[in-house]
Structures are given as C-alpha cells and as structure tokens.
C-alpha cells in the first residue's frame, strides 16, 4: 500500500511522531537486564546502542525465540548474541510515510529513528502512530497494513 500524507492525515516528519529518547541497553548487557527494562518501561523492544549509535534492537520475540526456545540462560546470555543487528530504521527528518512503508514491508511494529550520524534519537511504535494520527479510519488502515501476515 502506498501512503500519502493527505490520506492518513499524519504529521510531516518522523521526529513529530516518534517517542524521544527511548530507554536503551548496551550490547554487552545481559538479556535479563533488557527484559527488566522492557517490563519497567512497558515496551516490547529495546534499542541496543554503543556510545549512542544504534547497533541493533532486542524484542520480546527475540527473547522468546532465541533465548527461551533456544535453551539459553537469560542471566548469562549477552544481548549482542541474540539481538537483531542493523535493524531497519528511519531518519528523524524523513516523512512519516517512509516509516509506514518500512513498517509495512518488513512487518515490524516498531522502528528506530536516527539522526544523520546514526545516533538513536527516538523510536516509532505502532501505538505512536495509532495515537497521533488523529483519524480513527486512517489509524485502522495503518494498523491493519502493518499487522498483515
């Protein structure tokens, strides 16, 4: 599906929709640290950064599949060993329809937002879009497109 700003009545840039300064973990931290942070922040994904630069993302699905189903001990497993490396991301100044296109094509519900130097500045989650579009019909279309099998 091709998005247009008029059709979905969104703000102009990813920066206007993103959650700024999301909680992050470092690659050498343990999976249990990330899981505790996910719980306290009420999120399903944690960007993984080294010196502010986005290195990957760890999702609750990564933990379930790569750690639990893989028989690993989360207290001894480093995030770097199970995170999704080089995740798709968007730049803060890109139009929001770019984020929507990536989320739909990759079937992801969250996308990191970086600056021109690759530093993490935010994250856009499906919930951010749903609460910030201001149009229930458009919100439904966006959520449906991102959630397709």
N, C-alpha and C. Protein backbone atom coordinates (compact mmCIF):
# COMPACT_ATOMS: atom_id res chain seq x y z
N UNK A 1 0.84 -1.19 0.00
CA UNK A 1 0.00 0.00 0.00
C UNK A 1 0.88 1.24 0.00
N UNK A 2 0.58 2.19 -0.84
CA UNK A 2 1.32 3.45 -0.90
C UNK A 2 0.62 4.47 -0.01
N UNK A 3 1.38 5.10 0.85
CA UNK A 3 0.82 6.05 1.80
C UNK A 3 0.92 7.46 1.23
N UNK A 4 -0.05 8.29 1.56
CA UNK A 4 0.07 9.70 1.25
C UNK A 4 -0.29 10.48 2.51
N UNK A 5 0.35 11.60 2.67
CA UNK A 5 0.10 12.39 3.87
C UNK A 5 -1.36 12.83 3.94
N UNK A 6 -1.97 13.10 2.79
CA UNK A 6 -3.37 13.53 2.78
C UNK A 6 -4.29 12.38 3.22
N UNK A 7 -4.02 11.18 2.75
CA UNK A 7 -4.88 10.04 3.06
C UNK A 7 -4.86 9.67 4.54
N UNK A 8 -3.71 9.71 5.16
CA UNK A 8 -3.65 9.27 6.55
C UNK A 8 -3.51 10.41 7.55
N UNK A 9 -3.52 11.63 7.06
CA UNK A 9 -3.55 12.80 7.92
C UNK A 9 -2.49 12.75 9.02
N UNK A 10 -1.25 12.54 8.62
CA UNK A 10 -0.19 12.42 9.60
C UNK A 10 0.64 13.70 9.66
N UNK A 11 1.46 13.79 10.67
CA UNK A 11 2.38 14.90 10.79
C UNK A 11 3.45 14.75 9.71
N UNK A 12 4.28 15.76 9.53
CA UNK A 12 5.19 15.77 8.40
C UNK A 12 6.45 14.92 8.54
N UNK A 13 6.98 14.80 9.73
CA UNK A 13 8.25 14.08 9.85
C UNK A 13 8.19 13.01 10.93
N UNK A 14 9.12 12.08 10.83
CA UNK A 14 9.22 11.02 11.84
C UNK A 14 9.46 11.62 13.23
N UNK A 15 10.21 12.70 13.26
CA UNK A 15 10.53 13.36 14.53
C UNK A 15 9.26 13.81 15.26
N UNK A 16 8.23 14.19 14.52
CA UNK A 16 7.00 14.67 15.13
C UNK A 16 6.15 13.55 15.71
N UNK A 17 6.38 12.32 15.29
CA UNK A 17 5.57 11.19 15.74
C UNK A 17 6.31 10.32 16.75
N UNK A 18 7.62 10.30 16.68
CA UNK A 18 8.43 9.37 17.48
C UNK A 18 8.34 9.65 18.97
N UNK A 19 8.64 8.61 19.73
CA UNK A 19 8.88 8.75 21.16
C UNK A 19 10.35 9.11 21.29
N UNK A 20 10.62 10.25 21.90
CA UNK A 20 12.00 10.73 22.01
C UNK A 20 12.74 10.03 23.13
N UNK A 21 14.04 9.90 22.95
CA UNK A 21 14.95 9.35 23.96
C UNK A 21 14.44 8.06 24.60
N UNK A 22 14.21 7.01 23.81
CA UNK A 22 13.74 5.76 24.40
C UNK A 22 14.82 5.12 25.27
N UNK A 23 14.37 4.27 26.19
CA UNK A 23 15.31 3.51 27.01
C UNK A 23 16.13 2.62 26.09
N UNK A 24 17.40 2.44 26.42
CA UNK A 24 18.29 1.61 25.60
C UNK A 24 19.10 0.67 26.49
N UNK A 25 19.70 -0.31 25.85
CA UNK A 25 20.64 -1.22 26.52
C UNK A 25 21.92 -1.24 25.71
N UNK A 26 22.98 -1.72 26.33
CA UNK A 26 24.25 -1.89 25.64
C UNK A 26 24.39 -3.34 25.21
N UNK A 27 25.13 -3.59 24.14
CA UNK A 27 25.26 -4.95 23.62
C UNK A 27 25.82 -5.95 24.62
N UNK A 28 26.68 -5.51 25.52
CA UNK A 28 27.30 -6.45 26.47
C UNK A 28 26.48 -6.68 27.73
N UNK A 29 25.33 -6.01 27.85
CA UNK A 29 24.44 -6.27 28.99
C UNK A 29 23.80 -7.64 28.81
N UNK A 30 23.25 -8.14 29.90
CA UNK A 30 22.59 -9.45 29.84
C UNK A 30 21.12 -9.31 29.45
N UNK A 31 20.58 -10.35 28.87
CA UNK A 31 19.19 -10.36 28.42
C UNK A 31 18.24 -10.06 29.57
N UNK A 32 18.54 -10.56 30.77
CA UNK A 32 17.65 -10.27 31.90
C UNK A 32 17.57 -8.77 32.17
N UNK A 33 18.66 -8.04 31.97
CA UNK A 33 18.64 -6.59 32.17
C UNK A 33 17.66 -5.94 31.19
N UNK A 34 17.72 -6.38 29.95
CA UNK A 34 16.82 -5.84 28.93
C UNK A 34 15.37 -6.20 29.23
N UNK A 35 15.13 -7.43 29.66
CA UNK A 35 13.76 -7.87 29.97
C UNK A 35 13.19 -7.05 31.14
N UNK A 36 14.01 -6.78 32.14
CA UNK A 36 13.55 -5.96 33.26
C UNK A 36 13.24 -4.53 32.81
N UNK A 37 14.06 -4.02 31.92
CA UNK A 37 13.84 -2.68 31.39
C UNK A 37 12.56 -2.64 30.55
N UNK A 38 12.35 -3.65 29.73
CA UNK A 38 11.11 -3.74 28.95
C UNK A 38 9.90 -3.72 29.88
N UNK A 39 9.99 -4.47 30.97
CA UNK A 39 8.89 -4.53 31.93
C UNK A 39 8.66 -3.16 32.57
N UNK A 40 9.71 -2.53 33.05
CA UNK A 40 9.55 -1.25 33.75
C UNK A 40 9.09 -0.13 32.81
N UNK A 41 9.51 -0.20 31.54
CA UNK A 41 9.13 0.82 30.56
C UNK A 41 7.81 0.51 29.86
N UNK A 42 7.33 -0.73 30.00
CA UNK A 42 6.09 -1.14 29.34
C UNK A 42 6.23 -1.21 27.83
N UNK A 43 7.38 -1.70 27.36
CA UNK A 43 7.64 -1.80 25.92
C UNK A 43 8.00 -3.23 25.53
N UNK A 44 7.93 -3.51 24.24
CA UNK A 44 8.25 -4.84 23.74
C UNK A 44 9.55 -4.88 22.97
N UNK A 45 10.26 -3.77 22.93
CA UNK A 45 11.54 -3.72 22.22
C UNK A 45 12.44 -2.66 22.84
N UNK A 46 13.71 -2.97 22.87
CA UNK A 46 14.70 -2.05 23.41
C UNK A 46 15.80 -1.85 22.36
N UNK A 47 16.02 -0.60 21.92
CA UNK A 47 17.15 -0.36 21.03
C UNK A 47 18.46 -0.66 21.76
N UNK A 48 19.42 -1.20 21.03
CA UNK A 48 20.72 -1.53 21.59
C UNK A 48 21.73 -0.56 20.98
N UNK A 49 22.38 0.20 21.86
CA UNK A 49 23.29 1.26 21.40
C UNK A 49 24.64 1.15 22.07
N UNK A 50 25.66 1.55 21.33
CA UNK A 50 27.01 1.67 21.87
C UNK A 50 27.45 3.10 21.60
N UNK A 51 27.74 3.83 22.67
CA UNK A 51 28.10 5.25 22.55
C UNK A 51 27.05 6.05 21.79
N UNK A 52 25.78 5.72 22.00
CA UNK A 52 24.67 6.43 21.37
C UNK A 52 24.33 5.96 19.98
N UNK A 53 25.22 5.19 19.35
CA UNK A 53 24.99 4.71 17.98
C UNK A 53 24.17 3.42 18.01
N UNK A 54 23.15 3.38 17.19
CA UNK A 54 22.28 2.22 17.11
C UNK A 54 23.04 1.03 16.54
N UNK A 55 23.08 -0.07 17.30
CA UNK A 55 23.74 -1.30 16.87
C UNK A 55 22.75 -2.40 16.54
N UNK A 56 21.58 -2.32 17.18
CA UNK A 56 20.58 -3.37 16.98
C UNK A 56 19.34 -3.07 17.78
N UNK A 57 18.46 -4.06 17.83
CA UNK A 57 17.25 -3.94 18.64
C UNK A 57 16.96 -5.32 19.22
N UNK A 58 16.50 -5.34 20.44
CA UNK A 58 16.13 -6.59 21.11
C UNK A 58 14.64 -6.53 21.38
N UNK A 59 13.91 -7.49 20.84
CA UNK A 59 12.46 -7.53 21.02
C UNK A 59 12.08 -8.66 21.96
N UNK A 60 10.85 -8.57 22.46
CA UNK A 60 10.36 -9.66 23.29
C UNK A 60 10.33 -10.97 22.50
N UNK A 61 10.10 -10.88 21.20
CA UNK A 61 10.12 -12.08 20.35
C UNK A 61 11.53 -12.66 20.25
N UNK A 62 12.55 -11.79 20.15
CA UNK A 62 13.94 -12.27 20.15
C UNK A 62 14.22 -13.07 21.41
N UNK A 63 13.74 -12.56 22.54
CA UNK A 63 13.97 -13.25 23.81
C UNK A 63 13.25 -14.60 23.82
N UNK A 64 11.99 -14.61 23.37
CA UNK A 64 11.22 -15.85 23.38
C UNK A 64 11.82 -16.90 22.44
N UNK A 65 12.20 -16.49 21.24
CA UNK A 65 12.67 -17.45 20.24
C UNK A 65 14.15 -17.79 20.40
N UNK A 66 14.99 -16.77 20.53
CA UNK A 66 16.43 -17.00 20.52
C UNK A 66 17.00 -17.39 21.89
N UNK A 67 16.30 -17.00 22.95
CA UNK A 67 16.80 -17.31 24.29
C UNK A 67 16.01 -18.47 24.89
N UNK A 68 14.73 -18.26 25.13
CA UNK A 68 13.93 -19.29 25.80
C UNK A 68 13.83 -20.56 24.96
N UNK A 69 13.35 -20.44 23.73
CA UNK A 69 13.22 -21.62 22.87
C UNK A 69 14.57 -22.23 22.53
N UNK A 70 15.60 -21.39 22.52
CA UNK A 70 16.95 -21.87 22.24
C UNK A 70 17.64 -22.51 23.43
N UNK A 71 16.97 -22.52 24.57
CA UNK A 71 17.53 -23.16 25.76
C UNK A 71 18.68 -22.39 26.41
N UNK A 72 18.76 -21.11 26.16
CA UNK A 72 19.83 -20.29 26.75
C UNK A 72 19.39 -19.75 28.11
N UNK A 73 20.35 -19.49 28.94
CA UNK A 73 20.10 -18.87 30.24
C UNK A 73 20.12 -17.36 30.05
N UNK A 74 18.99 -16.68 30.27
CA UNK A 74 18.95 -15.22 30.05
C UNK A 74 19.85 -14.43 31.00
N UNK A 75 20.22 -15.05 32.12
CA UNK A 75 21.11 -14.36 33.07
C UNK A 75 22.56 -14.39 32.60
N UNK A 76 22.86 -15.29 31.64
CA UNK A 76 24.23 -15.42 31.15
C UNK A 76 24.37 -15.10 29.66
N UNK A 77 23.25 -14.80 29.00
CA UNK A 77 23.27 -14.51 27.57
C UNK A 77 23.39 -13.01 27.36
N UNK A 78 24.38 -12.62 26.58
CA UNK A 78 24.58 -11.21 26.26
C UNK A 78 23.59 -10.78 25.18
N UNK A 79 23.14 -9.54 25.28
CA UNK A 79 22.20 -9.00 24.30
C UNK A 79 22.79 -9.10 22.89
N UNK A 80 24.08 -8.84 22.74
CA UNK A 80 24.73 -8.87 21.43
C UNK A 80 24.59 -10.23 20.74
N UNK A 81 24.43 -11.29 21.53
CA UNK A 81 24.34 -12.64 20.96
C UNK A 81 22.97 -12.97 20.42
N UNK A 82 21.95 -12.20 20.78
CA UNK A 82 20.59 -12.56 20.37
C UNK A 82 19.79 -11.40 19.77
N UNK A 83 20.36 -10.22 19.75
CA UNK A 83 19.64 -9.06 19.21
C UNK A 83 19.54 -9.13 17.70
N UNK A 84 18.63 -8.37 17.15
CA UNK A 84 18.53 -8.19 15.71
C UNK A 84 19.51 -7.08 15.35
N UNK A 85 20.51 -7.43 14.56
CA UNK A 85 21.54 -6.46 14.18
C UNK A 85 21.09 -5.62 13.00
N UNK A 86 21.60 -4.40 12.95
CA UNK A 86 21.31 -3.49 11.84
C UNK A 86 19.83 -3.46 11.47
N UNK A 87 18.98 -3.10 12.43
CA UNK A 87 17.55 -3.08 12.12
C UNK A 87 17.22 -1.97 11.12
N UNK A 88 16.14 -2.18 10.39
CA UNK A 88 15.65 -1.10 9.53
C UNK A 88 15.35 0.09 10.42
N UNK A 89 15.69 1.27 9.96
CA UNK A 89 15.41 2.47 10.73
C UNK A 89 15.12 3.61 9.76
N UNK A 90 14.67 4.71 10.31
CA UNK A 90 14.40 5.91 9.52
C UNK A 90 15.14 7.07 10.16
N UNK A 91 15.34 8.11 9.37
CA UNK A 91 15.98 9.32 9.90
C UNK A 91 14.89 10.26 10.41
N UNK A 92 15.23 11.02 11.41
CA UNK A 92 14.27 11.90 12.08
C UNK A 92 13.61 12.88 11.12
N UNK A 93 14.33 13.34 10.11
CA UNK A 93 13.77 14.34 9.21
C UNK A 93 13.03 13.74 8.01
N UNK A 94 12.96 12.43 7.93
CA UNK A 94 12.22 11.80 6.83
C UNK A 94 10.72 11.93 7.06
N UNK A 95 9.95 11.92 5.98
CA UNK A 95 8.49 11.97 6.14
C UNK A 95 7.98 10.69 6.81
N UNK A 96 6.93 10.83 7.57
CA UNK A 96 6.38 9.69 8.30
C UNK A 96 5.93 8.58 7.36
N UNK A 97 5.54 8.91 6.15
CA UNK A 97 5.12 7.85 5.24
C UNK A 97 6.27 6.90 4.93
N UNK A 98 7.51 7.36 5.04
CA UNK A 98 8.67 6.47 4.86
C UNK A 98 8.69 5.43 5.97
N UNK A 99 8.44 5.85 7.21
CA UNK A 99 8.40 4.90 8.33
C UNK A 99 7.26 3.89 8.14
N UNK A 100 6.12 4.37 7.69
CA UNK A 100 4.98 3.48 7.47
C UNK A 100 5.29 2.45 6.39
N UNK A 101 5.95 2.88 5.32
CA UNK A 101 6.32 1.96 4.24
C UNK A 101 7.25 0.87 4.74
N UNK A 102 8.25 1.25 5.55
CA UNK A 102 9.21 0.28 6.08
C UNK A 102 8.50 -0.67 7.05
N UNK A 103 7.66 -0.13 7.92
CA UNK A 103 6.95 -0.97 8.88
C UNK A 103 6.06 -1.98 8.16
N UNK A 104 5.39 -1.54 7.11
CA UNK A 104 4.52 -2.44 6.36
C UNK A 104 5.33 -3.49 5.60
N UNK A 105 6.35 -3.06 4.88
CA UNK A 105 7.11 -4.01 4.05
C UNK A 105 7.88 -5.03 4.89
N UNK A 106 8.35 -4.62 6.04
CA UNK A 106 9.12 -5.52 6.92
C UNK A 106 8.25 -6.21 7.98
N UNK A 107 6.97 -5.78 8.05
CA UNK A 107 6.04 -6.33 9.03
C UNK A 107 6.59 -6.19 10.45
N UNK A 108 7.04 -4.98 10.78
CA UNK A 108 7.52 -4.68 12.13
C UNK A 108 6.63 -3.63 12.76
N UNK A 109 6.49 -3.70 14.04
CA UNK A 109 5.60 -2.78 14.76
C UNK A 109 6.34 -1.61 15.40
N UNK A 110 7.67 -1.64 15.29
CA UNK A 110 8.49 -0.57 15.86
C UNK A 110 9.66 -0.30 14.94
N UNK A 111 10.05 0.96 14.87
CA UNK A 111 11.19 1.30 14.03
C UNK A 111 12.03 2.39 14.70
N UNK A 112 13.32 2.14 14.87
CA UNK A 112 14.19 3.16 15.47
C UNK A 112 14.33 4.37 14.55
N UNK A 113 14.54 5.53 15.17
CA UNK A 113 14.73 6.78 14.45
C UNK A 113 16.13 7.29 14.80
N UNK A 114 16.91 7.57 13.77
CA UNK A 114 18.28 8.02 13.98
C UNK A 114 18.50 9.41 13.38
N UNK A 115 19.58 10.05 13.81
CA UNK A 115 19.96 11.33 13.21
C UNK A 115 20.91 11.05 12.05
N UNK A 116 21.42 12.09 11.42
CA UNK A 116 22.29 11.94 10.26
C UNK A 116 23.58 11.18 10.57
N UNK A 117 24.00 11.19 11.83
CA UNK A 117 25.22 10.49 12.25
C UNK A 117 25.00 9.08 12.75
N UNK A 118 23.77 8.58 12.67
CA UNK A 118 23.49 7.21 13.11
C UNK A 118 23.19 7.08 14.59
N UNK A 119 23.07 8.20 15.28
CA UNK A 119 22.74 8.15 16.71
C UNK A 119 21.24 8.01 16.89
N UNK A 120 20.84 7.18 17.82
CA UNK A 120 19.43 6.97 18.11
C UNK A 120 18.84 8.23 18.75
N UNK A 121 17.73 8.70 18.21
CA UNK A 121 17.06 9.87 18.77
C UNK A 121 15.62 9.56 19.18
N UNK A 122 15.11 8.40 18.73
CA UNK A 122 13.73 8.06 19.08
C UNK A 122 13.34 6.70 18.53
N UNK A 123 12.08 6.38 18.72
CA UNK A 123 11.53 5.14 18.18
C UNK A 123 10.07 5.41 17.83
N UNK A 124 9.62 4.83 16.75
CA UNK A 124 8.22 4.93 16.37
C UNK A 124 7.61 3.55 16.53
N UNK A 125 6.61 3.46 17.36
CA UNK A 125 5.88 2.20 17.55
C UNK A 125 4.52 2.32 16.90
N UNK A 126 3.94 1.20 16.61
CA UNK A 126 2.59 1.17 16.05
C UNK A 126 1.65 2.00 16.93
N UNK A 127 1.83 1.93 18.23
CA UNK A 127 0.98 2.69 19.15
C UNK A 127 1.17 4.20 18.98
N UNK A 128 2.39 4.64 18.68
CA UNK A 128 2.63 6.07 18.44
C UNK A 128 1.81 6.55 17.25
N UNK A 129 1.79 5.76 16.20
CA UNK A 129 1.03 6.10 15.01
C UNK A 129 -0.46 6.11 15.33
N UNK A 130 -0.90 5.07 16.02
CA UNK A 130 -2.32 4.95 16.34
C UNK A 130 -2.82 6.12 17.18
N UNK A 131 -2.00 6.60 18.09
CA UNK A 131 -2.45 7.68 18.98
C UNK A 131 -2.20 9.07 18.42
N UNK A 132 -1.37 9.19 17.39
CA UNK A 132 -1.01 10.52 16.90
C UNK A 132 -1.54 10.86 15.51
N UNK A 133 -2.24 9.94 14.88
CA UNK A 133 -2.79 10.25 13.56
C UNK A 133 -3.97 11.19 13.64
N UNK A 134 -4.82 11.03 14.65
CA UNK A 134 -5.99 11.89 14.78
C UNK A 134 -7.13 11.54 13.85
N UNK A 135 -7.08 10.33 13.26
CA UNK A 135 -8.12 9.90 12.33
C UNK A 135 -8.33 8.41 12.54
N UNK A 136 -9.46 8.03 13.16
CA UNK A 136 -9.70 6.64 13.51
C UNK A 136 -9.69 5.71 12.30
N UNK A 137 -10.27 6.13 11.20
CA UNK A 137 -10.30 5.28 10.00
C UNK A 137 -8.88 5.05 9.47
N UNK A 138 -8.10 6.12 9.36
CA UNK A 138 -6.73 6.01 8.88
C UNK A 138 -5.89 5.17 9.84
N UNK A 139 -6.11 5.36 11.14
CA UNK A 139 -5.38 4.57 12.13
C UNK A 139 -5.65 3.09 11.92
N UNK A 140 -6.90 2.73 11.71
CA UNK A 140 -7.26 1.34 11.47
C UNK A 140 -6.57 0.78 10.24
N UNK A 141 -6.51 1.55 9.18
CA UNK A 141 -5.84 1.11 7.95
C UNK A 141 -4.35 0.90 8.18
N UNK A 142 -3.72 1.80 8.91
CA UNK A 142 -2.31 1.69 9.18
C UNK A 142 -2.02 0.45 10.02
N UNK A 143 -2.77 0.27 11.10
CA UNK A 143 -2.56 -0.88 11.97
C UNK A 143 -2.78 -2.18 11.20
N UNK A 144 -3.82 -2.23 10.38
CA UNK A 144 -4.10 -3.43 9.59
C UNK A 144 -2.95 -3.72 8.61
N UNK A 145 -2.44 -2.71 7.93
CA UNK A 145 -1.37 -2.91 6.95
C UNK A 145 -0.10 -3.41 7.61
N UNK A 146 0.25 -2.85 8.76
CA UNK A 146 1.47 -3.25 9.46
C UNK A 146 1.33 -4.66 10.02
N UNK A 147 0.11 -5.05 10.39
CA UNK A 147 -0.11 -6.33 11.06
C UNK A 147 -0.44 -7.48 10.12
N UNK A 148 -0.46 -7.23 8.80
CA UNK A 148 -0.75 -8.30 7.84
C UNK A 148 0.22 -9.45 8.02
N UNK A 149 -0.27 -10.66 7.72
CA UNK A 149 0.61 -11.83 7.79
C UNK A 149 1.51 -11.87 6.59
